[in-house]
Structure formats: structure tokens, C-alpha cells
Amino acid sequence: MTTVNISLPVEMYSDAKTVILERGYASLSELVRDALRGLLYPHLTVNGFIREFEDRVLEAATESQGKDVLLKTNKDLKNYFLQDKLPQKSNL
């Protein structure tokens, strides 16, 4: 990684320190790298994917896999969670 030294006005440095605390950055370097990524690679999302790919991933995550179970009553809920704890009946 390359090291870069920059000069900042005092007020800008103070504002940057505030953003570091508010957004949970580990350092000023991390904040600057994140800002540069947004400027240099605006087509990438936070995850590093292009927007179209991330949209497809998020859409797929909301689709049913055909294994959904609808529990309408407390009895349904109780039976659903107890089925894995009760001994299974043998077919012998």
C-alpha cells in the first residue's frame, strides 16, 4: 500500500474526526479510502458489486424457496418446534 501525506484545513480535519466517530471508521485513512472509492468507482455498491448484480442478489433473497411453512396458531407453532425434539417413530 502506498502512503500519501495531505494537508487539511483545521475545520475540515475536525469535521472528518466527527464523521469517523459517527460512522464508525477506524481511522482517517479508512474514511479517505472510502470517500475515494465513492468518487473513483461510483458504479460499485458498498459490497463491491455493480448495482445490477446487487439488485439481482437482493431480489433473489426475497424469493420463496418453496419450503415456506405458515404457522397460523400457537398450536401450529408449538408442534412445529417440538417435531425436531420428539423421538421419531420407527417404520419397522
PDB file of N, CA and C in Angstrom:
ATOM      1  N   MET A   1       0.851  -1.163   0.000  1.00  0.00           N
ATOM      2  CA  MET A   1       0.000   0.000   0.000  1.00  0.00           C
ATOM      3  C   MET A   1       0.902   1.233   0.000  1.00  0.00           C
ATOM      4  N   THR A   2       0.502   2.235  -0.724  1.00  0.00           N
ATOM      5  CA  THR A   2       1.258   3.477  -0.825  1.00  0.00           C
ATOM      6  C   THR A   2       0.825   4.442   0.272  1.00  0.00           C
ATOM      7  N   THR A   3       1.765   5.192   0.803  1.00  0.00           N
ATOM      8  CA  THR A   3       1.471   6.211   1.807  1.00  0.00           C
ATOM      9  C   THR A   3       1.382   7.568   1.135  1.00  0.00           C
ATOM     10  N   VAL A   4       0.345   8.334   1.493  1.00  0.00           N
ATOM     11  CA  VAL A   4       0.138   9.670   0.940  1.00  0.00           C
ATOM     12  C   VAL A   4      -0.027  10.637   2.110  1.00  0.00           C
ATOM     13  N   ASN A   5       0.679  11.735   2.074  1.00  0.00           N
ATOM     14  CA  ASN A   5       0.529  12.786   3.090  1.00  0.00           C
ATOM     15  C   ASN A   5      -0.264  13.936   2.490  1.00  0.00           C
ATOM     16  N   ILE A   6      -1.263  14.427   3.239  1.00  0.00           N
ATOM     17  CA  ILE A   6      -2.063  15.553   2.750  1.00  0.00           C
ATOM     18  C   ILE A   6      -2.162  16.615   3.844  1.00  0.00           C
ATOM     19  N   SER A   7      -2.422  17.823   3.429  1.00  0.00           N
ATOM     20  CA  SER A   7      -2.682  18.925   4.361  1.00  0.00           C
ATOM     21  C   SER A   7      -4.163  19.259   4.292  1.00  0.00           C
ATOM     22  N   LEU A   8      -4.770  19.436   5.456  1.00  0.00           N
ATOM     23  CA  LEU A   8      -6.192  19.769   5.532  1.00  0.00           C
ATOM     24  C   LEU A   8      -6.378  21.027   6.365  1.00  0.00           C
ATOM     25  N   PRO A   9      -7.351  21.844   6.010  1.00  0.00           N
ATOM     26  CA  PRO A   9      -7.707  22.951   6.893  1.00  0.00           C
ATOM     27  C   PRO A   9      -8.176  22.393   8.240  1.00  0.00           C
ATOM     28  N   VAL A  10      -7.932  23.118   9.309  1.00  0.00           N
ATOM     29  CA  VAL A  10      -8.273  22.651  10.654  1.00  0.00           C
ATOM     30  C   VAL A  10      -9.749  22.271  10.754  1.00  0.00           C
ATOM     31  N   GLU A  11     -10.632  23.087  10.195  1.00  0.00           N
ATOM     32  CA  GLU A  11     -12.068  22.812  10.279  1.00  0.00           C
ATOM     33  C   GLU A  11     -12.432  21.520   9.539  1.00  0.00           C
ATOM     34  N   MET A  12     -11.811  21.276   8.386  1.00  0.00           N
ATOM     35  CA  MET A  12     -12.093  20.051   7.637  1.00  0.00           C
ATOM     36  C   MET A  12     -11.615  18.826   8.418  1.00  0.00           C
ATOM     37  N   TYR A  13     -10.459  18.919   9.043  1.00  0.00           N
ATOM     38  CA  TYR A  13      -9.937  17.814   9.848  1.00  0.00           C
ATOM     39  C   TYR A  13     -10.876  17.542  11.026  1.00  0.00           C
ATOM     40  N   SER A  14     -11.363  18.597  11.661  1.00  0.00           N
ATOM     41  CA  SER A  14     -12.295  18.452  12.775  1.00  0.00           C
ATOM     42  C   SER A  14     -13.594  17.792  12.312  1.00  0.00           C
ATOM     43  N   ASP A  15     -14.106  18.222  11.160  1.00  0.00           N
ATOM     44  CA  ASP A  15     -15.320  17.608  10.599  1.00  0.00           C
ATOM     45  C   ASP A  15     -15.085  16.135  10.274  1.00  0.00           C
ATOM     46  N   ALA A  16     -13.915  15.819   9.744  1.00  0.00           N
ATOM     47  CA  ALA A  16     -13.582  14.429   9.408  1.00  0.00           C
ATOM     48  C   ALA A  16     -13.543  13.575  10.673  1.00  0.00           C
ATOM     49  N   LYS A  17     -12.974  14.097  11.752  1.00  0.00           N
ATOM     50  CA  LYS A  17     -12.928  13.352  13.013  1.00  0.00           C
ATOM     51  C   LYS A  17     -14.334  13.076  13.532  1.00  0.00           C
ATOM     52  N   THR A  18     -15.243  14.027  13.335  1.00  0.00           N
ATOM     53  CA  THR A  18     -16.635  13.830  13.738  1.00  0.00           C
ATOM     54  C   THR A  18     -17.271  12.706  12.926  1.00  0.00           C
ATOM     55  N   VAL A  19     -17.033  12.704  11.618  1.00  0.00           N
ATOM     56  CA  VAL A  19     -17.581  11.652  10.747  1.00  0.00           C
ATOM     57  C   VAL A  19     -17.007  10.291  11.133  1.00  0.00           C
ATOM     58  N   ILE A  20     -15.730  10.241  11.469  1.00  0.00           N
ATOM     59  CA  ILE A  20     -15.092   8.989  11.889  1.00  0.00           C
ATOM     60  C   ILE A  20     -15.839   8.402  13.082  1.00  0.00           C
ATOM     61  N   LEU A  21     -16.149   9.230  14.060  1.00  0.00           N
ATOM     62  CA  LEU A  21     -16.863   8.755  15.250  1.00  0.00           C
ATOM     63  C   LEU A  21     -18.305   8.370  14.931  1.00  0.00           C
ATOM     64  N   GLU A  22     -18.988   9.186  14.140  1.00  0.00           N
ATOM     65  CA  GLU A  22     -20.399   8.939  13.833  1.00  0.00           C
ATOM     66  C   GLU A  22     -20.607   7.689  12.996  1.00  0.00           C
ATOM     67  N   ARG A  23     -19.714   7.436  12.067  1.00  0.00           N
ATOM     68  CA  ARG A  23     -19.905   6.316  11.134  1.00  0.00           C
ATOM     69  C   ARG A  23     -19.057   5.099  11.464  1.00  0.00           C
ATOM     70  N   GLY A  24     -18.264   5.174  12.514  1.00  0.00           N
ATOM     71  CA  GLY A  24     -17.520   4.007  12.975  1.00  0.00           C
ATOM     72  C   GLY A  24     -16.282   3.667  12.172  1.00  0.00           C
ATOM     73  N   TYR A  25     -15.696   4.632  11.503  1.00  0.00           N
ATOM     74  CA  TYR A  25     -14.439   4.375  10.799  1.00  0.00           C
ATOM     75  C   TYR A  25     -13.333   4.152  11.826  1.00  0.00           C
ATOM     76  N   ALA A  26     -12.370   3.315  11.484  1.00  0.00           N
ATOM     77  CA  ALA A  26     -11.258   3.031  12.387  1.00  0.00           C
ATOM     78  C   ALA A  26     -10.228   4.152  12.388  1.00  0.00           C
ATOM     79  N   SER A  27     -10.156   4.898  11.297  1.00  0.00           N
ATOM     80  CA  SER A  27      -9.118   5.926  11.185  1.00  0.00           C
ATOM     81  C   SER A  27      -9.479   6.922  10.088  1.00  0.00           C
ATOM     82  N   LEU A  28      -8.719   8.001  10.041  1.00  0.00           N
ATOM     83  CA  LEU A  28      -8.875   8.980   8.968  1.00  0.00           C
ATOM     84  C   LEU A  28      -8.538   8.336   7.626  1.00  0.00           C
ATOM     85  N   SER A  29      -7.547   7.462   7.616  1.00  0.00           N
ATOM     86  CA  SER A  29      -7.178   6.773   6.370  1.00  0.00           C
ATOM     87  C   SER A  29      -8.350   5.975   5.814  1.00  0.00           C
ATOM     88  N   GLU A  30      -9.070   5.288   6.704  1.00  0.00           N
ATOM     89  CA  GLU A  30     -10.217   4.496   6.253  1.00  0.00           C
ATOM     90  C   GLU A  30     -11.302   5.399   5.669  1.00  0.00           C
ATOM     91  N   LEU A  31     -11.545   6.532   6.307  1.00  0.00           N
ATOM     92  CA  LEU A  31     -12.526   7.493   5.798  1.00  0.00           C
ATOM     93  C   LEU A  31     -12.120   8.013   4.426  1.00  0.00           C
ATOM     94  N   VAL A  32     -10.860   8.371   4.260  1.00  0.00           N
ATOM     95  CA  VAL A  32     -10.377   8.894   2.977  1.00  0.00           C
ATOM     96  C   VAL A  32     -10.471   7.822   1.896  1.00  0.00           C
ATOM     97  N   ARG A  33     -10.085   6.581   2.218  1.00  0.00           N
ATOM     98  CA  ARG A  33     -10.190   5.494   1.229  1.00  0.00           C
ATOM     99  C   ARG A  33     -11.639   5.291   0.801  1.00  0.00           C
ATOM    100  N   ASP A  34     -12.560   5.320   1.768  1.00  0.00           N
ATOM    101  CA  ASP A  34     -13.975   5.133   1.452  1.00  0.00           C
ATOM    102  C   ASP A  34     -14.489   6.268   0.567  1.00  0.00           C
ATOM    103  N   ALA A  35     -14.097   7.493   0.886  1.00  0.00           N
ATOM    104  CA  ALA A  35     -14.513   8.644   0.073  1.00  0.00           C
ATOM    105  C   ALA A  35     -13.945   8.545  -1.338  1.00  0.00           C
ATOM    106  N   LEU A  36     -12.689   8.123  -1.463  1.00  0.00           N
ATOM    107  CA  LEU A  36     -12.084   7.970  -2.791  1.00  0.00           C
ATOM    108  C   LEU A  36     -12.770   6.869  -3.597  1.00  0.00           C
ATOM    109  N   ARG A  37     -13.127   5.767  -2.927  1.00  0.00           N
ATOM    110  CA  ARG A  37     -13.845   4.694  -3.635  1.00  0.00           C
ATOM    111  C   ARG A  37     -15.143   5.229  -4.225  1.00  0.00           C
ATOM    112  N   GLY A  38     -15.870   6.007  -3.450  1.00  0.00           N
ATOM    113  CA  GLY A  38     -17.129   6.576  -3.933  1.00  0.00           C
ATOM    114  C   GLY A  38     -16.932   7.508  -5.110  1.00  0.00           C
ATOM    115  N   LEU A  39     -15.830   8.228  -5.118  1.00  0.00           N
ATOM    116  CA  LEU A  39     -15.535   9.161  -6.204  1.00  0.00           C
ATOM    117  C   LEU A  39     -15.001   8.439  -7.438  1.00  0.00           C
ATOM    118  N   LEU A  40     -14.096   7.492  -7.226  1.00  0.00           N
ATOM    119  CA  LEU A  40     -13.442   6.809  -8.344  1.00  0.00           C
ATOM    120  C   LEU A  40     -14.275   5.675  -8.938  1.00  0.00           C
ATOM    121  N   TYR A  41     -15.075   5.015  -8.100  1.00  0.00           N
ATOM    122  CA  TYR A  41     -15.841   3.843  -8.546  1.00  0.00           C
ATOM    123  C   TYR A  41     -17.319   3.999  -8.179  1.00  0.00           C
ATOM    124  N   PRO A  42     -17.995   5.014  -8.697  1.00  0.00           N
ATOM    125  CA  PRO A  42     -19.388   5.261  -8.297  1.00  0.00           C
ATOM    126  C   PRO A  42     -20.349   4.151  -8.718  1.00  0.00           C
ATOM    127  N   HIS A  43     -19.945   3.321  -9.660  1.00  0.00           N
ATOM    128  CA  HIS A  43     -20.824   2.246 -10.140  1.00  0.00           C
ATOM    129  C   HIS A  43     -20.813   1.035  -9.207  1.00  0.00           C
ATOM    130  N   LEU A  44     -19.904   1.017  -8.219  1.00  0.00           N
ATOM    131  CA  LEU A  44     -19.847  -0.104  -7.289  1.00  0.00           C
ATOM    132  C   LEU A  44     -20.669   0.194  -6.044  1.00  0.00           C
ATOM    133  N   THR A  45     -21.256  -0.847  -5.479  1.00  0.00           N
ATOM    134  CA  THR A  45     -22.017  -0.696  -4.246  1.00  0.00           C
ATOM    135  C   THR A  45     -21.077  -0.846  -3.059  1.00  0.00           C
ATOM    136  N   VAL A  46     -21.618  -0.746  -1.867  1.00  0.00           N
ATOM    137  CA  VAL A  46     -20.821  -0.894  -0.645  1.00  0.00           C
ATOM    138  C   VAL A  46     -20.152  -2.265  -0.605  1.00  0.00           C
ATOM    139  N   ASN A  47     -20.824  -3.280  -1.146  1.00  0.00           N
ATOM    140  CA  ASN A  47     -20.282  -4.636  -1.160  1.00  0.00           C
ATOM    141  C   ASN A  47     -19.249  -4.857  -2.252  1.00  0.00           C
ATOM    142  N   GLY A  48     -19.047  -3.866  -3.110  1.00  0.00           N
ATOM    143  CA  GLY A  48     -18.087  -4.015  -4.196  1.00  0.00           C
ATOM    144  C   GLY A  48     -18.687  -4.591  -5.467  1.00  0.00           C
ATOM    145  N   PHE A  49     -20.003  -4.817  -5.470  1.00  0.00           N
ATOM    146  CA  PHE A  49     -20.681  -5.333  -6.652  1.00  0.00           C
ATOM    147  C   PHE A  49     -21.160  -4.171  -7.511  1.00  0.00           C
ATOM    148  N   ILE A  50     -21.397  -4.451  -8.794  1.00  0.00           N
ATOM    149  CA  ILE A  50     -22.065  -3.439  -9.607  1.00  0.00           C
ATOM    150  C   ILE A  50     -23.535  -3.431  -9.193  1.00  0.00           C
ATOM    151  N   ARG A  51     -24.206  -2.310  -9.352  1.00  0.00           N
ATOM    152  CA  ARG A  51     -25.582  -2.134  -8.879  1.00  0.00           C
ATOM    153  C   ARG A  51     -26.525  -3.207  -9.432  1.00  0.00           C
ATOM    154  N   GLU A  52     -26.405  -3.535 -10.719  1.00  0.00           N
ATOM    155  CA  GLU A  52     -27.318  -4.510 -11.331  1.00  0.00           C
ATOM    156  C   GLU A  52     -27.189  -5.878 -10.661  1.00  0.00           C
ATOM    157  N   PHE A  53     -25.948  -6.294 -10.367  1.00  0.00           N
ATOM    158  CA  PHE A  53     -25.745  -7.595  -9.732  1.00  0.00           C
ATOM    159  C   PHE A  53     -26.309  -7.585  -8.316  1.00  0.00           C
ATOM    160  N   GLU A  54     -26.034  -6.535  -7.571  1.00  0.00           N
ATOM    161  CA  GLU A  54     -26.550  -6.465  -6.205  1.00  0.00           C
ATOM    162  C   GLU A  54     -28.073  -6.467  -6.201  1.00  0.00           C
ATOM    163  N   ASP A  55     -28.699  -5.764  -7.151  1.00  0.00           N
ATOM    164  CA  ASP A  55     -30.159  -5.763  -7.241  1.00  0.00           C
ATOM    165  C   ASP A  55     -30.691  -7.171  -7.471  1.00  0.00           C
ATOM    166  N   ARG A  56     -30.018  -7.945  -8.328  1.00  0.00           N
ATOM    167  CA  ARG A  56     -30.452  -9.327  -8.584  1.00  0.00           C
ATOM    168  C   ARG A  56     -30.278 -10.200  -7.346  1.00  0.00           C
ATOM    169  N   VAL A  57     -29.182 -10.013  -6.616  1.00  0.00           N
ATOM    170  CA  VAL A  57     -28.946 -10.787  -5.394  1.00  0.00           C
ATOM    171  C   VAL A  57     -30.022 -10.468  -4.354  1.00  0.00           C
ATOM    172  N   LEU A  58     -30.311  -9.189  -4.169  1.00  0.00           N
ATOM    173  CA  LEU A  58     -31.328  -8.799  -3.193  1.00  0.00           C
ATOM    174  C   LEU A  58     -32.713  -9.293  -3.588  1.00  0.00           C
ATOM    175  N   GLU A  59     -33.011  -9.289  -4.876  1.00  0.00           N
ATOM    176  CA  GLU A  59     -34.298  -9.804  -5.351  1.00  0.00           C
ATOM    177  C   GLU A  59     -34.397 -11.306  -5.099  1.00  0.00           C
ATOM    178  N   ALA A  60     -33.329 -12.030  -5.385  1.00  0.00           N
ATOM    179  CA  ALA A  60     -33.327 -13.479  -5.174  1.00  0.00           C
ATOM    180  C   ALA A  60     -33.485 -13.821  -3.693  1.00  0.00           C
ATOM    181  N   ALA A  61     -32.948 -12.991  -2.830  1.00  0.00           N
ATOM    182  CA  ALA A  61     -33.038 -13.251  -1.394  1.00  0.00           C
ATOM    183  C   ALA A  61     -34.472 -13.157  -0.885  1.00  0.00           C
ATOM    184  N   THR A  62     -35.329 -12.428  -1.588  1.00  0.00           N
ATOM    185  CA  THR A  62     -36.716 -12.277  -1.151  1.00  0.00           C
ATOM    186  C   THR A  62     -37.640 -13.324  -1.758  1.00  0.00           C
ATOM    187  N   GLU A  63     -37.145 -14.099  -2.712  1.00  0.00           N
ATOM    188  CA  GLU A  63     -37.977 -15.103  -3.370  1.00  0.00           C
ATOM    189  C   GLU A  63     -38.128 -16.338  -2.492  1.00  0.00           C
ATOM    190  N   SER A  64     -39.303 -16.922  -2.542  1.00  0.00           N
ATOM    191  CA  SER A  64     -39.575 -18.140  -1.797  1.00  0.00           C
ATOM    192  C   SER A  64     -38.808 -19.306  -2.401  1.00  0.00           C
ATOM    193  N   GLN A  65     -38.333 -20.180  -1.547  1.00  0.00           N
ATOM    194  CA  GLN A  65     -37.637 -21.381  -2.000  1.00  0.00           C
ATOM    195  C   GLN A  65     -38.588 -22.580  -2.044  1.00  0.00           C
ATOM    196  N   GLY A  66     -39.875 -22.337  -1.820  1.00  0.00           N
ATOM    197  CA  GLY A  66     -40.857 -23.414  -1.861  1.00  0.00           C
ATOM    198  C   GLY A  66     -40.894 -24.234  -0.586  1.00  0.00           C
ATOM    199  N   LYS A  67     -40.180 -23.807   0.441  1.00  0.00           N
ATOM    200  CA  LYS A  67     -40.143 -24.552   1.699  1.00  0.00           C
ATOM    201  C   LYS A  67     -40.763 -23.743   2.834  1.00  0.00           C
ATOM    202  N   ASP A  68     -41.544 -22.740   2.482  1.00  0.00           N
ATOM    203  CA  ASP A  68     -42.151 -21.891   3.498  1.00  0.00           C
ATOM    204  C   ASP A  68     -43.175 -22.677   4.304  1.00  0.00           C
ATOM    205  N   VAL A  69     -43.255 -22.384   5.585  1.00  0.00           N
ATOM    206  CA  VAL A  69     -44.229 -23.005   6.470  1.00  0.00           C
ATOM    207  C   VAL A  69     -45.045 -21.886   7.098  1.00  0.00           C
ATOM    208  N   LEU A  70     -46.355 -21.982   6.993  1.00  0.00           N
ATOM    209  CA  LEU A  70     -47.233 -20.978   7.572  1.00  0.00           C
ATOM    210  C   LEU A  70     -47.775 -21.512   8.890  1.00  0.00           C
ATOM    211  N   LEU A  71     -47.452 -20.832   9.966  1.00  0.00           N
ATOM    212  CA  LEU A  71     -47.907 -21.217  11.297  1.00  0.00           C
ATOM    213  C   LEU A  71     -48.983 -20.224  11.717  1.00  0.00           C
ATOM    214  N   LYS A  72     -50.245 -20.710  11.759  1.00  0.00           N
ATOM    215  CA  LYS A  72     -51.373 -19.810  11.997  1.00  0.00           C
ATOM    216  C   LYS A  72     -51.748 -19.689  13.470  1.00  0.00           C
ATOM    217  N   THR A  73     -51.499 -20.724  14.235  1.00  0.00           N
ATOM    218  CA  THR A  73     -51.931 -20.715  15.637  1.00  0.00           C
ATOM    219  C   THR A  73     -50.757 -21.026  16.557  1.00  0.00           C
ATOM    220  N   ASN A  74     -50.987 -20.811  17.850  1.00  0.00           N
ATOM    221  CA  ASN A  74     -49.963 -21.174  18.838  1.00  0.00           C
ATOM    222  C   ASN A  74     -49.696 -22.671  18.815  1.00  0.00           C
ATOM    223  N   LYS A  75     -50.754 -23.464  18.573  1.00  0.00           N
ATOM    224  CA  LYS A  75     -50.597 -24.917  18.499  1.00  0.00           C
ATOM    225  C   LYS A  75     -49.702 -25.284  17.315  1.00  0.00           C
ATOM    226  N   ASP A  76     -49.914 -24.642  16.161  1.00  0.00           N
ATOM    227  CA  ASP A  76     -49.055 -24.880  14.993  1.00  0.00           C
ATOM    228  C   ASP A  76     -47.599 -24.567  15.330  1.00  0.00           C
ATOM    229  N   LEU A  77     -47.396 -23.460  16.004  1.00  0.00           N
ATOM    230  CA  LEU A  77     -46.049 -23.034  16.376  1.00  0.00           C
ATOM    231  C   LEU A  77     -45.397 -24.050  17.309  1.00  0.00           C
ATOM    232  N   LYS A  78     -46.135 -24.459  18.328  1.00  0.00           N
ATOM    233  CA  LYS A  78     -45.611 -25.435  19.289  1.00  0.00           C
ATOM    234  C   LYS A  78     -45.284 -26.754  18.594  1.00  0.00           C
ATOM    235  N   ASN A  79     -46.192 -27.250  17.779  1.00  0.00           N
ATOM    236  CA  ASN A  79     -45.965 -28.519  17.085  1.00  0.00           C
ATOM    237  C   ASN A  79     -44.775 -28.442  16.135  1.00  0.00           C
ATOM    238  N   TYR A  80     -44.621 -27.322  15.472  1.00  0.00           N
ATOM    239  CA  TYR A  80     -43.513 -27.164  14.524  1.00  0.00           C
ATOM    240  C   TYR A  80     -42.169 -27.281  15.234  1.00  0.00           C
ATOM    241  N   PHE A  81     -42.035 -26.615  16.373  1.00  0.00           N
ATOM    242  CA  PHE A  81     -40.748 -26.635  17.062  1.00  0.00           C
ATOM    243  C   PHE A  81     -40.534 -27.905  17.874  1.00  0.00           C
ATOM    244  N   LEU A  82     -41.591 -28.572  18.265  1.00  0.00           N
ATOM    245  CA  LEU A  82     -41.440 -29.819  19.009  1.00  0.00           C
ATOM    246  C   LEU A  82     -41.124 -31.002  18.103  1.00  0.00           C
ATOM    247  N   GLN A  83     -41.449 -30.929  16.837  1.00  0.00           N
ATOM    248  CA  GLN A  83     -41.251 -32.074  15.948  1.00  0.00           C
ATOM    249  C   GLN A  83     -39.790 -32.501  15.862  1.00  0.00           C
ATOM    250  N   ASP A  84     -38.849 -31.590  16.027  1.00  0.00           N
ATOM    251  CA  ASP A  84     -37.432 -31.951  15.974  1.00  0.00           C
ATOM    252  C   ASP A  84     -36.921 -32.474  17.310  1.00  0.00           C
ATOM    253  N   LYS A  85     -37.665 -32.252  18.396  1.00  0.00           N
ATOM    254  CA  LYS A  85     -37.207 -32.654  19.717  1.00  0.00           C
ATOM    255  C   LYS A  85     -37.781 -34.000  20.144  1.00  0.00           C
ATOM    256  N   LEU A  86     -38.898 -34.379  19.565  1.00  0.00           N
ATOM    257  CA  LEU A  86     -39.523 -35.641  19.935  1.00  0.00           C
ATOM    258  C   LEU A  86     -38.858 -36.790  19.193  1.00  0.00           C
ATOM    259  N   PRO A  87     -38.755 -37.960  19.841  1.00  0.00           N
ATOM    260  CA  PRO A  87     -38.180 -39.112  19.132  1.00  0.00           C
ATOM    261  C   PRO A  87     -39.034 -39.474  17.924  1.00  0.00           C
ATOM    262  N   GLN A  88     -38.390 -39.797  16.826  1.00  0.00           N
ATOM    263  CA  GLN A  88     -39.100 -40.160  15.601  1.00  0.00           C
ATOM    264  C   GLN A  88     -39.604 -41.598  15.709  1.00  0.00           C
ATOM    265  N   LYS A  89     -40.807 -41.836  15.194  1.00  0.00           N
ATOM    266  CA  LYS A  89     -41.374 -43.181  15.201  1.00  0.00           C
ATOM    267  C   LYS A  89     -40.670 -44.025  14.156  1.00  0.00           C
ATOM    268  N   SER A  90     -40.401 -45.243  14.505  1.00  0.00           N
ATOM    269  CA  SER A  90     -39.744 -46.160  13.583  1.00  0.00           C
ATOM    270  C   SER A  90     -40.789 -46.812  12.691  1.00  0.00           C
ATOM    271  N   ASN A  91     -40.447 -47.028  11.422  1.00  0.00           N
ATOM    272  CA  ASN A  91     -41.361 -47.674  10.477  1.00  0.00           C
ATOM    273  C   ASN A  91     -41.134 -49.174  10.411  1.00  0.00           C
ATOM    274  N   LEU A  92     -40.439 -49.747  11.386  1.00  0.00           N
ATOM    275  CA  LEU A  92     -40.149 -51.184  11.372  1.00  0.00           C
ATOM    276  C   LEU A  92     -41.291 -52.007  11.838  1.00  0.00           C
TER     277      LEU A  92
END
